[in-house]
Structure formats: structure tokens, C-alpha cells
Amino acid sequence: MAAWSDKHVEVAGVKLHLSRAGSGAPLLVLHHDIGTLERLPFYDALAQRFDVLVPHHPGYGRSERPDWLRSPRDVAVMYRCLLSDVGLPQASLLGLGFGGWIAAEMASMAPRDPAQLVLVGAMGLKPPEGDILDQALLSYVDYARAGFHTAEAFATAYGAEHSTDQLEQWDICREMSFRIAWKPYMYSQTLPHLLGGVRMPSLVVWGDDDRVVPLSAGRLYASRLPDARLEIVAACGHCVEMEKPDALAQLVTAFMAAK
């Protein structure tokens, strides 16, 4: 198990919760729109090779909620400031789902700064085929469950019964996502045109049974990013880091080592 430290750092007048562990090349990991569990085996695996930073998005988890926040690009600007403040402006970026959208926005802002970019089931682009799952049509429990290929994998990650705290967190995360990513829902109309300027190597990873973000969005990311490849994880849903943590960690480690 990695030795994690937790603290709050102030960015744009907002206190963000930040967990950090490991050593090596710096890697910023950005979580899903359903938040993140405190300690994931995937995070521990990364911390064996990298200096891993896992913030809670503003308005999610243990971070403060800024009333002025209105878009994922605002969050991306805040994380650019965070990396600058901790002296790691060229950290690599790894985004999971909604966090992948934020990571892609960050990469588009400074096309040569981040060392490498990893997008896993990333939102942010309108899928050419299919639609991003509308969580307004589901309970927050069913939406979280939809991120997994099997019910057993979901139960392994979150347990058979869900605490009041967990239910409350899912509800808070959903409300915040509606606030900043509602119209258009979970994609940017400008990002597709900005990705062509990204110059760092990029890895796009998708579960073959992603019922939240269609695989067509992954193919679009891989085609829009100039130096990207697409990897598909078999028998896996949207939450690759929880359902196939070892497979994803191996993909990320090999990709980062090939720099």
C-alpha cells in the first residue's frame, strides 16, 4: 500500500482536497463525475511508479464548492493553477470519464506542457454514434452501477449496501455535474477543434462495454489528437480503473515508460 498524504490547497479562492503518494514522474489523476473512493488499488499501483496527485474536483468530495464555477474548462484552469502552485506545470495528465474531459481541456490550453496525456472513457466530445448516458434519467445509484460491465464488479467496488454518506456524495456529485456540464450535456462544442494543437503523446483507453460514453467518442478522440493511440479493454465498462485496475495500470505504465 502506498503512503498517502492528504491536505487542502487553495486555488482561485477555493479549498481543494488533494491526496498524494509515490515518487517519480508527476502524474495528475482526475476522477469521474461520480466522485472517487478515497483509496483505490489503481491509485496505489500508479504510486509504485509515479508521484501521483489525486484532487477532488471543486464541488465534489471533500473540496469546497465555488458558486461561480460554470464549466469543465473553469476546472481545467484551476488545475493548471494547482500544478503551477506545486511546481509541477509539466506533470502528465490522466483523466477518468468526466476527469478525462477536464484533462483534455488542460492539454488544449498548453499543448506542449504536459509530458503525456491519458484519457479513459473520456467525456467532452459528442459521440458520432450513440449518446452519453443521461444521468437525469436514472437514480444516482443506477447511474454509478451503469459504469460497470458486471453487477459483481460494482459490488466489489462499492459494497452490496451503500452508506448514507456514499448516497449523499453521489447526489452531490450529480447536482454539481448538472451545474457545470448540462447544456450541452457532457460535451464541448469547441474542444474537438482545439485538440489538433495538442502535441504530447496521448493514450486513449476504453472499456469494450462502456454504457456511459460510447466507444465512438474514444475513436473520435484518437483521431483528433495528433499523436494518439486507442486501447480497448475487454469485458469492461466505463470505470476501467475499478473494474480492471491491473490492466489499466499496465497500459499506463508501459505508455509512460515509452516516452
C-alpha atoms as a PDB file:
ATOM      1  CA  MET A   1       0.000   0.000   0.000  1.00  0.00           C
ATOM      2  CA  ALA A   2       1.240   3.464  -0.865  1.00  0.00           C
ATOM      3  CA  ALA A   3       1.718   6.043   1.883  1.00  0.00           C
ATOM      4  CA  TRP A   4      -0.812   8.755   1.067  1.00  0.00           C
ATOM      5  CA  SER A   5      -0.892  12.285   2.408  1.00  0.00           C
ATOM      6  CA  ASP A   6      -3.995  14.466   2.391  1.00  0.00           C
ATOM      7  CA  LYS A   7      -4.286  18.225   2.578  1.00  0.00           C
ATOM      8  CA  HIS A   8      -6.277  21.174   1.299  1.00  0.00           C
ATOM      9  CA  VAL A   9      -4.723  23.592  -1.155  1.00  0.00           C
ATOM     10  CA  GLU A  10      -6.274  26.920  -2.105  1.00  0.00           C
ATOM     11  CA  VAL A  11      -6.806  27.645  -5.797  1.00  0.00           C
ATOM     12  CA  ALA A  12      -8.816  30.631  -7.060  1.00  0.00           C
ATOM     13  CA  GLY A  13     -10.051  31.174  -3.515  1.00  0.00           C
ATOM     14  CA  VAL A  14     -11.333  27.570  -3.276  1.00  0.00           C
ATOM     15  CA  LYS A  15     -10.002  24.900  -0.922  1.00  0.00           C
ATOM     16  CA  LEU A  16      -9.351  21.745  -2.935  1.00  0.00           C
ATOM     17  CA  HIS A  17      -8.752  18.388  -1.281  1.00  0.00           C
ATOM     18  CA  LEU A  18      -5.547  16.800  -2.588  1.00  0.00           C
ATOM     19  CA  SER A  19      -4.213  13.285  -1.979  1.00  0.00           C
ATOM     20  CA  ARG A  20      -0.631  12.488  -2.961  1.00  0.00           C
ATOM     21  CA  ALA A  21       1.649   9.451  -2.848  1.00  0.00           C
ATOM     22  CA  GLY A  22       4.607   7.834  -4.564  1.00  0.00           C
ATOM     23  CA  SER A  23       7.701   9.147  -6.287  1.00  0.00           C
ATOM     24  CA  GLY A  24       8.929   9.501  -9.822  1.00  0.00           C
ATOM     25  CA  ALA A  25       7.465  11.417 -12.731  1.00  0.00           C
ATOM     26  CA  PRO A  26       4.480  13.541 -11.614  1.00  0.00           C
ATOM     27  CA  LEU A  27       1.028  12.348 -12.682  1.00  0.00           C
ATOM     28  CA  LEU A  28      -2.222  14.235 -12.066  1.00  0.00           C
ATOM     29  CA  VAL A  29      -5.214  11.856 -11.893  1.00  0.00           C
ATOM     30  CA  LEU A  30      -8.686  13.354 -12.396  1.00  0.00           C
ATOM     31  CA  HIS A  31     -11.711  11.397 -11.214  1.00  0.00           C
ATOM     32  CA  HIS A  32     -15.173  10.607 -12.603  1.00  0.00           C
ATOM     33  CA  ASP A  33     -18.361  12.657 -12.292  1.00  0.00           C
ATOM     34  CA  ILE A  34     -19.486  10.233  -9.542  1.00  0.00           C
ATOM     35  CA  GLY A  35     -16.517  11.285  -7.413  1.00  0.00           C
ATOM     36  CA  THR A  36     -13.828   8.909  -6.228  1.00  0.00           C
ATOM     37  CA  LEU A  37     -13.307   6.429  -3.452  1.00  0.00           C
ATOM     38  CA  GLU A  38     -10.547   7.518  -1.107  1.00  0.00           C
ATOM     39  CA  ARG A  39      -8.064   4.728  -1.783  1.00  0.00           C
ATOM     40  CA  LEU A  40      -8.254   2.692  -4.960  1.00  0.00           C
ATOM     41  CA  PRO A  41      -5.902  -0.202  -5.810  1.00  0.00           C
ATOM     42  CA  PHE A  42      -5.380   1.540  -9.154  1.00  0.00           C
ATOM     43  CA  TYR A  43      -4.069   4.652  -7.420  1.00  0.00           C
ATOM     44  CA  ASP A  44      -1.761   2.513  -5.278  1.00  0.00           C
ATOM     45  CA  ALA A  45      -0.447   0.748  -8.384  1.00  0.00           C
ATOM     46  CA  LEU A  46       0.360   4.073 -10.042  1.00  0.00           C
ATOM     47  CA  ALA A  47       2.091   5.318  -6.878  1.00  0.00           C
ATOM     48  CA  GLN A  48       4.607   2.482  -7.192  1.00  0.00           C
ATOM     49  CA  ARG A  49       5.981   4.222 -10.298  1.00  0.00           C
ATOM     50  CA  PHE A  50       4.858   7.837 -10.208  1.00  0.00           C
ATOM     51  CA  ASP A  51       4.356  10.862  -7.977  1.00  0.00           C
ATOM     52  CA  VAL A  52       0.545  10.667  -8.044  1.00  0.00           C
ATOM     53  CA  LEU A  53      -1.713  13.626  -7.259  1.00  0.00           C
ATOM     54  CA  VAL A  54      -5.463  12.995  -6.920  1.00  0.00           C
ATOM     55  CA  PRO A  55      -7.521  16.136  -6.260  1.00  0.00           C
ATOM     56  CA  HIS A  56     -11.249  16.202  -5.630  1.00  0.00           C
ATOM     57  CA  HIS A  57     -12.861  18.404  -8.249  1.00  0.00           C
ATOM     58  CA  PRO A  58     -14.251  21.688  -6.908  1.00  0.00           C
ATOM     59  CA  GLY A  59     -17.750  20.984  -5.646  1.00  0.00           C
ATOM     60  CA  TYR A  60     -17.101  17.220  -5.402  1.00  0.00           C
ATOM     61  CA  GLY A  61     -15.955  15.063  -2.499  1.00  0.00           C
ATOM     62  CA  ARG A  62     -14.071  16.992   0.148  1.00  0.00           C
ATOM     63  CA  SER A  63     -13.367  20.082  -1.949  1.00  0.00           C
ATOM     64  CA  GLU A  64     -15.235  23.336  -1.498  1.00  0.00           C
ATOM     65  CA  ARG A  65     -17.970  24.311  -3.927  1.00  0.00           C
ATOM     66  CA  PRO A  66     -17.424  27.657  -5.667  1.00  0.00           C
ATOM     67  CA  ASP A  67     -20.683  29.382  -6.571  1.00  0.00           C
ATOM     68  CA  TRP A  68     -19.090  30.933  -9.641  1.00  0.00           C
ATOM     69  CA  LEU A  69     -17.965  27.694 -11.318  1.00  0.00           C
ATOM     70  CA  ARG A  70     -19.831  27.144 -14.586  1.00  0.00           C
ATOM     71  CA  SER A  71     -17.883  24.817 -16.910  1.00  0.00           C
ATOM     72  CA  PRO A  72     -15.330  21.964 -17.008  1.00  0.00           C
ATOM     73  CA  ARG A  73     -12.938  24.403 -18.685  1.00  0.00           C
ATOM     74  CA  ASP A  74     -13.085  26.502 -15.492  1.00  0.00           C
ATOM     75  CA  VAL A  75     -11.993  23.393 -13.581  1.00  0.00           C
ATOM     76  CA  ALA A  76      -9.199  22.844 -16.100  1.00  0.00           C
ATOM     77  CA  VAL A  77      -7.896  26.370 -15.485  1.00  0.00           C
ATOM     78  CA  MET A  78      -7.962  25.716 -11.723  1.00  0.00           C
ATOM     79  CA  TYR A  79      -5.911  22.549 -12.148  1.00  0.00           C
ATOM     80  CA  ARG A  80      -3.403  24.358 -14.337  1.00  0.00           C
ATOM     81  CA  CYS A  81      -3.035  26.816 -11.448  1.00  0.00           C
ATOM     82  CA  LEU A  82      -2.739  23.936  -8.970  1.00  0.00           C
ATOM     83  CA  LEU A  83       0.106  22.319 -10.906  1.00  0.00           C
ATOM     84  CA  SER A  84       1.883  25.658 -11.184  1.00  0.00           C
ATOM     85  CA  ASP A  85       1.479  26.286  -7.460  1.00  0.00           C
ATOM     86  CA  VAL A  86       3.015  22.912  -6.524  1.00  0.00           C
ATOM     87  CA  GLY A  87       5.844  23.354  -9.025  1.00  0.00           C
ATOM     88  CA  LEU A  88       4.706  20.681 -11.497  1.00  0.00           C
ATOM     89  CA  PRO A  89       3.456  22.541 -14.597  1.00  0.00           C
ATOM     90  CA  GLN A  90       4.596  19.708 -16.879  1.00  0.00           C
ATOM     91  CA  ALA A  91       3.005  16.826 -14.989  1.00  0.00           C
ATOM     92  CA  SER A  92       1.381  14.146 -17.110  1.00  0.00           C
ATOM     93  CA  LEU A  93      -2.419  14.016 -17.071  1.00  0.00           C
ATOM     94  CA  LEU A  94      -4.693  11.007 -16.583  1.00  0.00           C
ATOM     95  CA  GLY A  95      -8.424  11.651 -16.787  1.00  0.00           C
ATOM     96  CA  LEU A  96     -11.217   9.196 -15.968  1.00  0.00           C
ATOM     97  CA  GLY A  97     -14.586   9.809 -17.617  1.00  0.00           C
ATOM     98  CA  PHE A  98     -15.566  13.366 -16.698  1.00  0.00           C
ATOM     99  CA  GLY A  99     -11.996  13.866 -15.484  1.00  0.00           C
ATOM    100  CA  GLY A 100     -10.856  12.928 -18.990  1.00  0.00           C
ATOM    101  CA  TRP A 101     -12.800  15.871 -20.373  1.00  0.00           C
ATOM    102  CA  ILE A 102     -11.036  18.175 -17.901  1.00  0.00           C
ATOM    103  CA  ALA A 103      -7.641  16.664 -18.774  1.00  0.00           C
ATOM    104  CA  ALA A 104      -8.292  17.179 -22.494  1.00  0.00           C
ATOM    105  CA  GLU A 105      -9.209  20.818 -21.842  1.00  0.00           C
ATOM    106  CA  MET A 106      -5.970  21.239 -19.868  1.00  0.00           C
ATOM    107  CA  ALA A 107      -3.945  19.757 -22.710  1.00  0.00           C
ATOM    108  CA  SER A 108      -5.575  22.088 -25.230  1.00  0.00           C
ATOM    109  CA  MET A 109      -4.644  25.112 -23.106  1.00  0.00           C
ATOM    110  CA  ALA A 110      -0.911  24.380 -23.079  1.00  0.00           C
ATOM    111  CA  PRO A 111      -0.311  21.969 -25.971  1.00  0.00           C
ATOM    112  CA  ARG A 112       3.361  21.352 -25.194  1.00  0.00           C
ATOM    113  CA  ASP A 113       3.377  21.481 -21.399  1.00  0.00           C
ATOM    114  CA  PRO A 114       2.069  18.146 -20.057  1.00  0.00           C
ATOM    115  CA  ALA A 115       4.516  15.300 -20.642  1.00  0.00           C
ATOM    116  CA  GLN A 116       1.809  12.800 -21.632  1.00  0.00           C
ATOM    117  CA  LEU A 117      -1.965  12.544 -21.743  1.00  0.00           C
ATOM    118  CA  VAL A 118      -4.120   9.512 -20.852  1.00  0.00           C
ATOM    119  CA  LEU A 119      -7.885   9.613 -21.394  1.00  0.00           C
ATOM    120  CA  VAL A 120     -10.012   6.749 -20.050  1.00  0.00           C
ATOM    121  CA  GLY A 121     -13.628   6.685 -21.204  1.00  0.00           C
ATOM    122  CA  ALA A 122     -13.429  10.448 -21.505  1.00  0.00           C
ATOM    123  CA  MET A 123     -16.452  12.675 -21.837  1.00  0.00           C
ATOM    124  CA  GLY A 124     -16.060  16.021 -23.588  1.00  0.00           C
ATOM    125  CA  LEU A 125     -16.770  15.091 -27.218  1.00  0.00           C
ATOM    126  CA  LYS A 126     -20.179  14.443 -28.756  1.00  0.00           C
ATOM    127  CA  PRO A 127     -20.139  10.764 -29.776  1.00  0.00           C
ATOM    128  CA  PRO A 128     -20.576  10.285 -33.545  1.00  0.00           C
ATOM    129  CA  GLU A 129     -22.650   7.199 -32.749  1.00  0.00           C
ATOM    130  CA  GLY A 130     -24.820   6.827 -29.648  1.00  0.00           C
ATOM    131  CA  ASP A 131     -25.219   9.245 -26.765  1.00  0.00           C
ATOM    132  CA  ILE A 132     -23.553   9.891 -23.421  1.00  0.00           C
ATOM    133  CA  LEU A 133     -25.767   8.337 -20.750  1.00  0.00           C
ATOM    134  CA  ASP A 134     -28.101  10.965 -19.278  1.00  0.00           C
ATOM    135  CA  GLN A 135     -27.903  10.600 -15.516  1.00  0.00           C
ATOM    136  CA  ALA A 136     -31.037  12.715 -15.102  1.00  0.00           C
ATOM    137  CA  LEU A 137     -32.989   9.676 -16.299  1.00  0.00           C
ATOM    138  CA  LEU A 138     -31.591   7.340 -13.613  1.00  0.00           C
ATOM    139  CA  SER A 139     -31.197   7.256  -9.863  1.00  0.00           C
ATOM    140  CA  TYR A 140     -27.678   8.137  -8.822  1.00  0.00           C
ATOM    141  CA  VAL A 141     -27.166   4.522  -7.699  1.00  0.00           C
ATOM    142  CA  ASP A 142     -28.237   3.144 -11.079  1.00  0.00           C
ATOM    143  CA  TYR A 143     -26.018   5.669 -12.846  1.00  0.00           C
ATOM    144  CA  ALA A 144     -22.983   4.557 -10.824  1.00  0.00           C
ATOM    145  CA  ARG A 145     -23.900   0.911 -11.487  1.00  0.00           C
ATOM    146  CA  ALA A 146     -24.088   1.572 -15.244  1.00  0.00           C
ATOM    147  CA  GLY A 147     -20.352   2.267 -15.197  1.00  0.00           C
ATOM    148  CA  PHE A 148     -19.543  -1.427 -14.687  1.00  0.00           C
ATOM    149  CA  HIS A 149     -19.602  -4.416 -17.005  1.00  0.00           C
ATOM    150  CA  THR A 150     -20.961  -6.673 -14.256  1.00  0.00           C
ATOM    151  CA  ALA A 151     -23.001  -6.238 -11.088  1.00  0.00           C
ATOM    152  CA  GLU A 152     -20.314  -8.200  -9.227  1.00  0.00           C
ATOM    153  CA  ALA A 153     -17.648  -5.647 -10.179  1.00  0.00           C
ATOM    154  CA  PHE A 154     -19.855  -2.813  -8.955  1.00  0.00           C
ATOM    155  CA  ALA A 155     -20.458  -4.623  -5.646  1.00  0.00           C
ATOM    156  CA  THR A 156     -16.733  -5.270  -5.247  1.00  0.00           C
ATOM    157  CA  ALA A 157     -16.011  -1.566  -5.622  1.00  0.00           C
ATOM    158  CA  TYR A 158     -18.883  -0.113  -3.592  1.00  0.00           C
ATOM    159  CA  GLY A 159     -20.233  -2.977  -1.489  1.00  0.00           C
ATOM    160  CA  ALA A 160     -23.619  -4.675  -1.518  1.00  0.00           C
ATOM    161  CA  GLU A 161     -25.111  -1.966   0.693  1.00  0.00           C
ATOM    162  CA  HIS A 162     -24.379   1.746   0.377  1.00  0.00           C
ATOM    163  CA  SER A 163     -23.844   4.028   3.324  1.00  0.00           C
ATOM    164  CA  THR A 164     -25.792   7.245   3.742  1.00  0.00           C
ATOM    165  CA  ASP A 165     -22.543   9.133   3.186  1.00  0.00           C
ATOM    166  CA  GLN A 166     -21.973   7.399  -0.156  1.00  0.00           C
ATOM    167  CA  LEU A 167     -25.530   8.046  -1.323  1.00  0.00           C
ATOM    168  CA  GLU A 168     -25.193  11.686  -0.329  1.00  0.00           C
ATOM    169  CA  GLN A 169     -21.900  12.001  -2.215  1.00  0.00           C
ATOM    170  CA  TRP A 170     -23.395  10.581  -5.399  1.00  0.00           C
ATOM    171  CA  ASP A 171     -26.282  13.021  -5.134  1.00  0.00           C
ATOM    172  CA  ILE A 172     -23.968  15.996  -4.560  1.00  0.00           C
ATOM    173  CA  CYS A 173     -21.756  14.955  -7.480  1.00  0.00           C
ATOM    174  CA  ARG A 174     -24.756  14.690  -9.783  1.00  0.00           C
ATOM    175  CA  GLU A 175     -26.031  18.139  -8.832  1.00  0.00           C
ATOM    176  CA  MET A 176     -22.594  19.648  -9.444  1.00  0.00           C
ATOM    177  CA  SER A 177     -22.291  17.916 -12.805  1.00  0.00           C
ATOM    178  CA  PHE A 178     -25.650  19.359 -13.852  1.00  0.00           C
ATOM    179  CA  ARG A 179     -24.463  22.800 -12.814  1.00  0.00           C
ATOM    180  CA  ILE A 180     -21.306  22.804 -14.947  1.00  0.00           C
ATOM    181  CA  ALA A 181     -21.961  20.335 -17.784  1.00  0.00           C
ATOM    182  CA  TRP A 182     -25.662  20.417 -18.584  1.00  0.00           C
ATOM    183  CA  LYS A 183     -26.074  22.340 -21.858  1.00  0.00           C
ATOM    184  CA  PRO A 184     -24.825  20.721 -23.980  1.00  0.00           C
ATOM    185  CA  TYR A 185     -24.798  17.614 -21.800  1.00  0.00           C
ATOM    186  CA  MET A 186     -21.304  16.342 -21.028  1.00  0.00           C
ATOM    187  CA  TYR A 187     -19.553  17.543 -24.176  1.00  0.00           C
ATOM    188  CA  SER A 188     -17.922  20.680 -25.529  1.00  0.00           C
ATOM    189  CA  GLN A 189     -18.707  22.244 -28.878  1.00  0.00           C
ATOM    190  CA  THR A 190     -15.250  23.819 -29.082  1.00  0.00           C
ATOM    191  CA  LEU A 191     -12.930  21.079 -27.775  1.00  0.00           C
ATOM    192  CA  PRO A 192     -12.955  18.986 -30.994  1.00  0.00           C
ATOM    193  CA  HIS A 193     -11.437  21.927 -32.852  1.00  0.00           C
ATOM    194  CA  LEU A 194      -8.762  22.562 -30.215  1.00  0.00           C
ATOM    195  CA  LEU A 195      -7.394  19.031 -29.865  1.00  0.00           C
ATOM    196  CA  GLY A 196      -5.432  19.291 -33.106  1.00  0.00           C
ATOM    197  CA  GLY A 197      -2.965  21.603 -31.407  1.00  0.00           C
ATOM    198  CA  VAL A 198      -2.071  19.100 -28.672  1.00  0.00           C
ATOM    199  CA  ARG A 199       1.497  17.949 -29.144  1.00  0.00           C
ATOM    200  CA  MET A 200       2.141  15.471 -26.319  1.00  0.00           C
ATOM    201  CA  PRO A 201       1.783  11.696 -26.863  1.00  0.00           C
ATOM    202  CA  SER A 202      -1.700  10.550 -25.910  1.00  0.00           C
ATOM    203  CA  LEU A 203      -3.215   7.238 -24.882  1.00  0.00           C
ATOM    204  CA  VAL A 204      -6.971   6.755 -25.212  1.00  0.00           C
ATOM    205  CA  VAL A 205      -8.411   3.801 -23.261  1.00  0.00           C
ATOM    206  CA  TRP A 206     -11.976   2.492 -23.433  1.00  0.00           C
ATOM    207  CA  GLY A 207     -13.868  -0.416 -21.938  1.00  0.00           C
ATOM    208  CA  ASP A 208     -15.494  -2.508 -24.659  1.00  0.00           C
ATOM    209  CA  ASP A 209     -18.802  -2.395 -22.752  1.00  0.00           C
ATOM    210  CA  ASP A 210     -18.848   1.292 -21.826  1.00  0.00           C
ATOM    211  CA  ARG A 211     -22.538   2.098 -21.414  1.00  0.00           C
ATOM    212  CA  VAL A 212     -21.860   5.652 -20.216  1.00  0.00           C
ATOM    213  CA  VAL A 213     -19.720   7.054 -23.043  1.00  0.00           C
ATOM    214  CA  PRO A 214     -19.939   5.224 -26.393  1.00  0.00           C
ATOM    215  CA  LEU A 215     -16.746   3.843 -27.886  1.00  0.00           C
ATOM    216  CA  SER A 216     -17.307   6.088 -30.903  1.00  0.00           C
ATOM    217  CA  ALA A 217     -16.222   9.016 -28.686  1.00  0.00           C
ATOM    218  CA  GLY A 218     -12.956   7.201 -27.957  1.00  0.00           C
ATOM    219  CA  ARG A 219     -12.315   6.706 -31.648  1.00  0.00           C
ATOM    220  CA  LEU A 220     -13.032  10.386 -32.222  1.00  0.00           C
ATOM    221  CA  TYR A 221     -10.536  11.405 -29.514  1.00  0.00           C
ATOM    222  CA  ALA A 222      -7.903   9.131 -31.054  1.00  0.00           C
ATOM    223  CA  SER A 223      -8.477  10.659 -34.494  1.00  0.00           C
ATOM    224  CA  ARG A 224      -8.481  14.283 -33.298  1.00  0.00           C
ATOM    225  CA  LEU A 225      -5.351  14.065 -31.144  1.00  0.00           C
ATOM    226  CA  PRO A 226      -2.321  14.170 -33.475  1.00  0.00           C
ATOM    227  CA  ASP A 227      -0.176  11.625 -31.596  1.00  0.00           C
ATOM    228  CA  ALA A 228      -2.639   9.178 -30.062  1.00  0.00           C
ATOM    229  CA  ARG A 229      -3.463   5.507 -29.972  1.00  0.00           C
ATOM    230  CA  LEU A 230      -6.611   3.754 -28.793  1.00  0.00           C
ATOM    231  CA  GLU A 231      -6.577   0.712 -26.479  1.00  0.00           C
ATOM    232  CA  ILE A 232      -9.777  -1.224 -25.785  1.00  0.00           C
ATOM    233  CA  VAL A 233     -10.085  -3.237 -22.560  1.00  0.00           C
ATOM    234  CA  ALA A 234     -12.148  -6.401 -22.953  1.00  0.00           C
ATOM    235  CA  ALA A 235     -15.094  -7.302 -20.696  1.00  0.00           C
ATOM    236  CA  CYS A 236     -15.014  -3.892 -19.053  1.00  0.00           C
ATOM    237  CA  GLY A 237     -17.340  -0.957 -18.561  1.00  0.00           C
ATOM    238  CA  HIS A 238     -16.837   2.775 -18.092  1.00  0.00           C
ATOM    239  CA  CYS A 239     -14.972   2.583 -14.759  1.00  0.00           C
ATOM    240  CA  VAL A 240     -11.891   0.797 -16.073  1.00  0.00           C
ATOM    241  CA  GLU A 241      -9.781   1.861 -13.089  1.00  0.00           C
ATOM    242  CA  MET A 242     -12.082  -0.018 -10.697  1.00  0.00           C
ATOM    243  CA  GLU A 243     -13.102  -2.953 -12.886  1.00  0.00           C
ATOM    244  CA  LYS A 244      -9.711  -3.736 -14.472  1.00  0.00           C
ATOM    245  CA  PRO A 245      -7.190  -1.814 -12.342  1.00  0.00           C
ATOM    246  CA  ASP A 246      -4.207  -4.056 -13.126  1.00  0.00           C
ATOM    247  CA  ALA A 247      -4.818  -3.955 -16.866  1.00  0.00           C
ATOM    248  CA  LEU A 248      -5.169  -0.171 -16.856  1.00  0.00           C
ATOM    249  CA  ALA A 249      -2.112   0.340 -14.643  1.00  0.00           C
ATOM    250  CA  GLN A 250      -0.062  -1.812 -17.026  1.00  0.00           C
ATOM    251  CA  LEU A 251      -1.241   0.182 -20.029  1.00  0.00           C
ATOM    252  CA  VAL A 252      -0.453   3.485 -18.349  1.00  0.00           C
ATOM    253  CA  THR A 253       2.950   2.348 -17.061  1.00  0.00           C
ATOM    254  CA  ALA A 254       4.044   0.995 -20.443  1.00  0.00           C
ATOM    255  CA  PHE A 255       2.843   4.130 -22.208  1.00  0.00           C
ATOM    256  CA  MET A 256       4.630   6.454 -19.796  1.00  0.00           C
ATOM    257  CA  ALA A 257       7.838   4.395 -19.977  1.00  0.00           C
ATOM    258  CA  ALA A 258       7.878   4.625 -23.769  1.00  0.00           C
ATOM    259  CA  LYS A 259       8.327   8.380 -23.691  1.00  0.00           C
END
